[in-house]
Amino acid sequence: MDTVNNPHTDCLTVDVKTCAQMLGLGLRSTYRLVEQSYREKQPLRVLRFGTTYRIVTKSILTLVYGNTGG
């Protein structure tokens, strides 16, 4: 994933479909990961508003690239 040319890296949070695209996963696998992350508070930071999930973009980038100290 090219973070320089990726418009989603400018957003503080993204939806599950965008998270799936960023991670290169299918929607079903991403929903499982997001629901697990919401319950366990890791590896992604997930916000839930009713039935809607929003994933903190920085946590996705940390999962993909590791902690770069920034």
Protein backbone atom coordinates (compact mmCIF):
# COMPACT_ATOMS: atom_id res chain seq x y z
CA MET A 1 0.00 0.00 0.00
CA ASP A 2 1.38 3.38 -0.98
CA THR A 3 0.56 5.75 1.90
CA VAL A 4 1.73 8.82 -0.02
CA ASN A 5 -0.85 8.36 -2.78
CA ASN A 6 -3.55 6.74 -0.66
CA PRO A 7 -6.40 9.18 0.09
CA HIS A 8 -7.54 7.07 3.06
CA THR A 9 -4.43 7.91 5.09
CA ASP A 10 -5.74 11.49 5.42
CA CYS A 11 -8.83 10.24 7.27
CA LEU A 12 -8.76 9.68 11.02
CA THR A 13 -11.10 6.69 10.70
CA VAL A 14 -12.34 4.48 7.88
CA ASP A 15 -15.24 2.07 7.40
CA VAL A 16 -14.88 -1.71 7.26
CA LYS A 17 -14.90 -1.85 3.45
CA THR A 18 -12.04 0.66 3.22
CA CYS A 19 -10.15 -1.16 5.97
CA ALA A 20 -10.47 -4.37 3.94
CA GLN A 21 -9.04 -2.62 0.88
CA MET A 22 -6.16 -1.17 2.89
CA LEU A 23 -5.31 -4.58 4.38
CA GLY A 24 -5.89 -6.52 1.18
CA LEU A 25 -8.43 -8.79 2.87
CA GLY A 26 -11.92 -9.92 2.00
CA LEU A 27 -14.88 -8.25 3.65
CA ARG A 28 -15.83 -11.28 5.76
CA SER A 29 -12.29 -11.68 7.13
CA THR A 30 -12.11 -7.97 7.84
CA TYR A 31 -15.41 -8.00 9.73
CA ARG A 32 -14.08 -10.87 11.87
CA LEU A 33 -10.87 -8.95 12.57
CA VAL A 34 -12.75 -5.74 13.37
CA GLU A 35 -15.22 -7.47 15.70
CA GLN A 36 -12.38 -9.29 17.48
CA SER A 37 -10.38 -6.07 17.74
CA TYR A 38 -13.41 -4.28 19.19
CA ARG A 39 -13.79 -6.94 21.90
CA GLU A 40 -10.09 -7.36 22.70
CA LYS A 41 -8.98 -3.76 22.05
CA GLN A 42 -6.22 -4.95 19.70
CA PRO A 43 -4.63 -5.14 17.12
CA LEU A 44 -6.90 -2.44 15.62
CA ARG A 45 -8.52 0.48 17.42
CA VAL A 46 -12.22 0.21 16.63
CA LEU A 47 -15.05 2.60 17.41
CA ARG A 48 -18.63 1.37 17.35
CA PHE A 49 -21.66 3.59 16.87
CA GLY A 50 -24.77 1.42 17.07
CA THR A 51 -24.16 -1.20 14.39
CA THR A 52 -21.54 0.86 12.54
CA TYR A 53 -17.82 0.23 12.99
CA ARG A 54 -15.11 2.84 12.31
CA ILE A 55 -11.45 1.82 12.40
CA VAL A 56 -8.71 4.25 13.39
CA THR A 57 -6.49 4.63 10.32
CA LYS A 58 -3.28 4.89 12.32
CA SER A 59 -3.94 1.46 13.85
CA ILE A 60 -4.28 -0.05 10.36
CA LEU A 61 -1.00 1.51 9.26
CA THR A 62 0.70 0.28 12.45
CA LEU A 63 -0.59 -3.25 11.78
CA VAL A 64 0.72 -3.14 8.20
CA TYR A 65 4.02 -1.33 8.71
CA GLY A 66 4.74 -1.86 12.42
CA ASN A 67 5.47 0.88 14.91
CA THR A 68 7.68 3.41 13.14
CA GLY A 69 8.05 5.60 16.21
CA GLY A 70 5.99 8.42 14.73
